[in-house]
Amino acid sequence: MKSLKNKTIAIVGLGNTFSEYILAKTRSDIFDEVWAINAMSSVIFHDRVFMLDPASRFLDGEMAGKQTNVMKKRLLQKLNIPIYSCCLDKRCPDVIEYPLQEVLEKTKYAYLNNTVPYAIAFAISQEVSKICLYGIDFSYKEVPHMAEAGRACTEFWLAIASTKGIKIEIAHNSTLLDTNVPDEEKLYGYHRLEDPIVSTVHEGSMLITRKSKLEPPEPLDAIPRIYGREEDVR
């Protein structure tokens, strides 16, 4: 396996913010590798797939719900793109065993309760320099009564990655690590003050200041700009 040390990795899941990965690609954002979670492998170009369930979950019934048919088709193909799983299946030419022993020895933690942390733990074990997460949401602002299990475990592994000096970038609209929470509401308690203390990022570094001291955003141009008239952006 080629070295992933100091590489930038995009991990793309099935949550709503996977669309921000598409936008990132149209903006020419560059990733050394793209890792797909489960059925996202049927949607985007990718270098690896993480599917920690056994292939039988998709091939031998409808246990995977709407993912069943598209994953069944992917698993039976031979694309020479590794699909990491908990066990081999002779029907699936691309499935390889997840290197569990190696990852656990390197990371020293065995808290893995959904597929995404396996991908993050693998990235940590490979000493990548940056992890970008898209479609890794777990809960949704527009559906407050519903949440998927696994957010705490995922955030735990992101904390481990941070302690290793790995940079973390999360889709702007994702609830993961409260990324979609307004800056003035992120620090509990302080958010109730008349002039809240704000935690934000300025020129790549953390900035803690009063909201009143933040520079307001630049005003929009009064004259609308119609792209495509003077330059080609298609």
Protein backbone atom coordinates (compact mmCIF):
# COMPACT_ATOMS: atom_id res chain seq x y z
CA MET A 1 0.00 0.00 0.00
CA LYS A 2 1.32 3.43 -0.91
CA SER A 3 2.15 5.76 1.94
CA LEU A 4 -0.56 8.14 3.13
CA LYS A 5 1.74 10.06 5.47
CA ASN A 6 1.11 13.82 5.32
CA LYS A 7 -1.69 13.37 2.78
CA THR A 8 -5.06 15.13 2.68
CA ILE A 9 -8.03 12.76 2.82
CA ALA A 10 -11.70 13.41 2.09
CA ILE A 11 -14.17 11.06 3.79
CA VAL A 12 -17.62 11.25 2.22
CA GLY A 13 -20.70 9.77 3.87
CA LEU A 14 -24.40 9.64 3.10
CA GLY A 15 -25.56 12.63 5.14
CA ASN A 16 -27.03 15.75 3.55
CA THR A 17 -23.75 17.64 3.53
CA PHE A 18 -22.19 15.27 1.00
CA SER A 19 -23.34 17.94 -1.48
CA GLU A 20 -20.62 20.21 -0.08
CA TYR A 21 -18.06 17.69 -1.35
CA ILE A 22 -19.45 18.20 -4.85
CA LEU A 23 -19.12 21.96 -4.40
CA ALA A 24 -15.56 21.52 -3.12
CA LYS A 25 -14.64 19.58 -6.24
CA THR A 26 -16.17 22.21 -8.53
CA ARG A 27 -14.04 24.80 -6.68
CA SER A 28 -10.96 22.74 -7.57
CA ASP A 29 -10.28 21.67 -3.97
CA ILE A 30 -7.63 18.95 -4.05
CA PHE A 31 -7.58 15.73 -2.03
CA ASP A 32 -4.85 13.12 -2.22
CA GLU A 33 -7.46 10.41 -1.70
CA VAL A 34 -11.24 10.21 -1.39
CA TRP A 35 -12.79 7.57 0.85
CA ALA A 36 -16.44 6.62 0.43
CA ILE A 37 -18.66 5.32 3.23
CA ASN A 38 -20.87 2.41 2.12
CA ALA A 39 -23.24 3.31 -0.74
CA MET A 40 -21.55 6.65 -1.40
CA SER A 41 -19.14 4.48 -3.39
CA SER A 42 -21.83 4.21 -6.07
CA VAL A 43 -22.05 8.01 -6.45
CA ILE A 44 -18.55 9.54 -6.44
CA PHE A 45 -15.10 8.71 -7.72
CA HIS A 46 -13.15 7.26 -4.82
CA ASP A 47 -9.91 5.55 -3.84
CA ARG A 48 -11.18 3.39 -0.97
CA VAL A 49 -14.49 2.25 0.51
CA PHE A 50 -15.18 1.65 4.19
CA MET A 51 -17.99 -0.85 4.75
CA LEU A 52 -17.41 -2.51 8.09
CA ASP A 53 -20.53 -4.66 7.90
CA PRO A 54 -20.00 -8.07 6.32
CA ALA A 55 -20.89 -8.17 2.64
CA SER A 56 -23.63 -10.69 3.45
CA ARG A 57 -25.69 -7.86 4.97
CA PHE A 58 -26.12 -6.47 1.47
CA LEU A 59 -26.07 -9.68 -0.56
CA ASP A 60 -28.29 -12.03 1.45
CA GLY A 61 -31.44 -10.04 2.10
CA GLU A 62 -32.81 -6.55 2.56
CA MET A 63 -31.17 -5.83 5.91
CA ALA A 64 -29.46 -2.69 4.58
CA GLY A 65 -32.70 -1.07 3.44
CA LYS A 66 -32.40 1.27 0.46
CA GLN A 67 -28.64 0.75 0.29
CA THR A 68 -29.10 -2.95 -0.45
CA ASN A 69 -29.43 -2.99 -4.24
CA VAL A 70 -26.82 -0.38 -5.08
CA MET A 71 -24.30 -1.93 -2.69
CA LYS A 72 -25.02 -5.40 -4.03
CA LYS A 73 -24.11 -4.20 -7.52
CA ARG A 74 -20.94 -2.52 -6.27
CA LEU A 75 -19.81 -5.52 -4.22
CA LEU A 76 -20.07 -7.91 -7.16
CA GLN A 77 -17.97 -5.67 -9.41
CA LYS A 78 -14.20 -5.79 -9.72
CA LEU A 79 -12.89 -2.22 -9.85
CA ASN A 80 -9.60 -2.88 -8.02
CA ILE A 81 -10.62 -0.34 -5.37
CA PRO A 82 -10.33 -1.77 -1.84
CA ILE A 83 -13.51 -2.17 0.19
CA TYR A 84 -12.56 -2.50 3.86
CA SER A 85 -14.84 -4.86 5.75
CA CYS A 86 -14.79 -7.00 8.88
CA CYS A 87 -14.39 -10.22 6.88
CA LEU A 88 -13.80 -11.51 3.37
CA ASP A 89 -16.50 -12.82 1.07
CA LYS A 90 -15.57 -14.92 -1.97
CA ARG A 91 -18.37 -13.27 -3.97
CA CYS A 92 -16.81 -9.80 -3.61
CA PRO A 93 -13.49 -9.41 -5.42
CA ASP A 94 -12.66 -5.97 -4.00
CA VAL A 95 -13.38 -6.69 -0.32
CA ILE A 96 -10.33 -6.84 1.93
CA GLU A 97 -10.11 -7.23 5.68
CA TYR A 98 -9.82 -4.04 7.68
CA PRO A 99 -6.38 -4.03 9.39
CA LEU A 100 -7.92 -3.99 12.85
CA GLN A 101 -4.91 -5.26 14.81
CA GLU A 102 -2.54 -2.75 13.22
CA VAL A 103 -4.92 0.19 13.70
CA LEU A 104 -5.66 -0.64 17.35
CA GLU A 105 -1.97 -1.07 18.15
CA LYS A 106 -1.16 2.32 16.64
CA THR A 107 -4.11 4.28 18.06
CA LYS A 108 -4.45 2.48 21.44
CA TYR A 109 -8.27 2.76 21.44
CA ALA A 110 -10.98 0.21 20.61
CA TYR A 111 -14.06 2.46 20.68
CA LEU A 112 -15.55 1.91 17.22
CA ASN A 113 -19.34 1.80 17.06
CA ASN A 114 -20.02 2.77 13.43
CA THR A 115 -18.20 2.76 10.10
CA VAL A 116 -16.97 6.38 10.03
CA PRO A 117 -14.67 6.04 13.09
CA TYR A 118 -12.99 3.06 11.42
CA ALA A 119 -12.10 5.32 8.48
CA ILE A 120 -10.84 8.08 10.81
CA ALA A 121 -8.83 5.59 12.91
CA PHE A 122 -7.30 4.18 9.74
CA ALA A 123 -6.34 7.71 8.65
CA ILE A 124 -4.72 8.35 12.05
CA SER A 125 -2.77 5.10 11.84
CA GLN A 126 -1.49 6.15 8.41
CA GLU A 127 -0.34 9.56 9.73
CA VAL A 128 -2.29 11.69 7.29
CA SER A 129 -2.02 15.46 7.71
CA LYS A 130 -5.63 16.51 7.07
CA ILE A 131 -9.08 14.91 7.16
CA CYS A 132 -12.01 16.60 5.40
CA LEU A 133 -15.46 15.26 6.26
CA TYR A 134 -18.56 15.58 4.08
CA GLY A 135 -21.92 13.91 4.58
CA ILE A 136 -20.92 12.92 8.13
CA ASP A 137 -23.79 14.56 10.00
CA PHE A 138 -25.69 12.19 12.35
CA SER A 139 -28.28 14.81 13.34
CA TYR A 140 -30.14 17.44 11.38
CA LYS A 141 -31.35 20.87 12.39
CA GLU A 142 -34.48 20.54 10.27
CA VAL A 143 -35.41 17.19 11.92
CA PRO A 144 -34.57 17.79 15.61
CA HIS A 145 -36.43 14.71 16.87
CA MET A 146 -34.28 12.32 14.79
CA ALA A 147 -30.59 11.48 15.18
CA GLU A 148 -28.39 8.61 14.02
CA ALA A 149 -26.24 6.75 16.52
CA GLY A 150 -22.49 7.18 16.37
CA ARG A 151 -21.88 10.92 16.58
CA ALA A 152 -20.11 10.73 19.96
CA CYS A 153 -17.75 8.01 18.75
CA THR A 154 -16.95 9.95 15.58
CA GLU A 155 -16.24 13.14 17.53
CA PHE A 156 -14.06 11.12 19.94
CA TRP A 157 -11.87 9.99 17.05
CA LEU A 158 -11.70 13.51 15.64
CA ALA A 159 -10.36 14.63 19.02
CA ILE A 160 -7.73 11.88 18.87
CA ALA A 161 -6.80 13.02 15.36
CA SER A 162 -6.43 16.61 16.59
CA THR A 163 -4.05 15.52 19.36
CA LYS A 164 -1.89 13.96 16.64
CA GLY A 165 -1.64 17.28 14.83
CA ILE A 166 -4.04 16.25 12.08
CA LYS A 167 -6.08 19.15 10.70
CA ILE A 168 -9.84 18.62 10.65
CA GLU A 169 -12.22 20.26 8.18
CA ILE A 170 -15.96 19.61 8.35
CA ALA A 171 -18.71 20.49 5.89
CA HIS A 172 -20.01 23.93 6.83
CA ASN A 173 -23.63 22.82 7.31
CA SER A 174 -22.85 19.67 9.29
CA THR A 175 -23.92 19.33 12.92
CA LEU A 176 -20.71 17.40 13.64
CA LEU A 177 -18.66 19.28 16.28
CA ASP A 178 -21.44 21.92 16.18
CA THR A 179 -19.97 23.18 12.92
CA ASN A 180 -23.30 24.63 11.78
CA VAL A 181 -23.91 26.50 15.06
CA PRO A 182 -23.46 30.30 14.72
CA ASP A 183 -20.17 31.55 16.21
CA GLU A 184 -21.97 33.58 18.90
CA GLU A 185 -23.79 30.46 20.15
CA LYS A 186 -20.91 27.99 20.37
CA LEU A 187 -19.67 28.87 23.86
CA TYR A 188 -22.44 27.85 26.24
CA GLY A 189 -23.23 30.41 28.92
CA TYR A 190 -21.31 33.17 27.18
CA HIS A 191 -23.93 32.99 24.40
CA ARG A 192 -26.45 34.51 26.86
CA LEU A 193 -24.48 37.72 27.34
CA GLU A 194 -25.61 40.93 25.68
CA ASP A 195 -22.28 41.01 23.85
CA PRO A 196 -21.40 37.29 23.51
CA ILE A 197 -17.85 35.99 23.51
CA VAL A 198 -17.24 34.45 20.10
CA SER A 199 -14.93 31.62 19.10
CA THR A 200 -14.07 31.85 15.44
CA VAL A 201 -11.19 31.37 13.00
CA HIS A 202 -9.21 34.30 11.65
CA GLU A 203 -6.45 33.79 9.08
CA GLY A 204 -6.17 30.12 10.04
CA SER A 205 -5.88 30.69 13.82
CA MET A 206 -8.42 30.56 16.64
CA LEU A 207 -9.78 33.95 17.67
CA ILE A 208 -11.66 34.52 20.95
CA THR A 209 -13.26 37.93 21.16
CA ARG A 210 -16.47 39.85 21.85
CA LYS A 211 -18.96 39.74 19.01
CA SER A 212 -18.99 43.56 18.92
CA LYS A 213 -15.28 43.55 18.08
CA LEU A 214 -15.66 41.34 15.03
CA GLU A 215 -15.42 43.15 11.74
CA PRO A 216 -18.76 43.06 9.90
CA PRO A 217 -18.81 41.26 6.57
CA GLU A 218 -18.12 43.34 3.51
CA PRO A 219 -21.34 44.68 1.94
CA LEU A 220 -22.57 43.07 -1.22
CA ASP A 221 -22.17 45.02 -4.43
CA ALA A 222 -25.29 47.03 -5.20
CA ILE A 223 -25.13 46.04 -8.88
CA PRO A 224 -25.76 42.33 -9.42
CA ARG A 225 -22.97 40.51 -11.24
CA ILE A 226 -24.08 38.10 -13.96
CA TYR A 227 -21.38 35.48 -14.40
CA GLY A 228 -20.79 34.15 -17.86
CA ARG A 229 -21.13 37.52 -19.63
CA GLU A 230 -17.50 38.62 -19.46
CA GLU A 231 -15.75 35.41 -18.49
CA ASP A 232 -16.32 31.71 -19.01
CA VAL A 233 -17.11 29.92 -15.72
CA ARG A 234 -18.99 27.00 -17.15
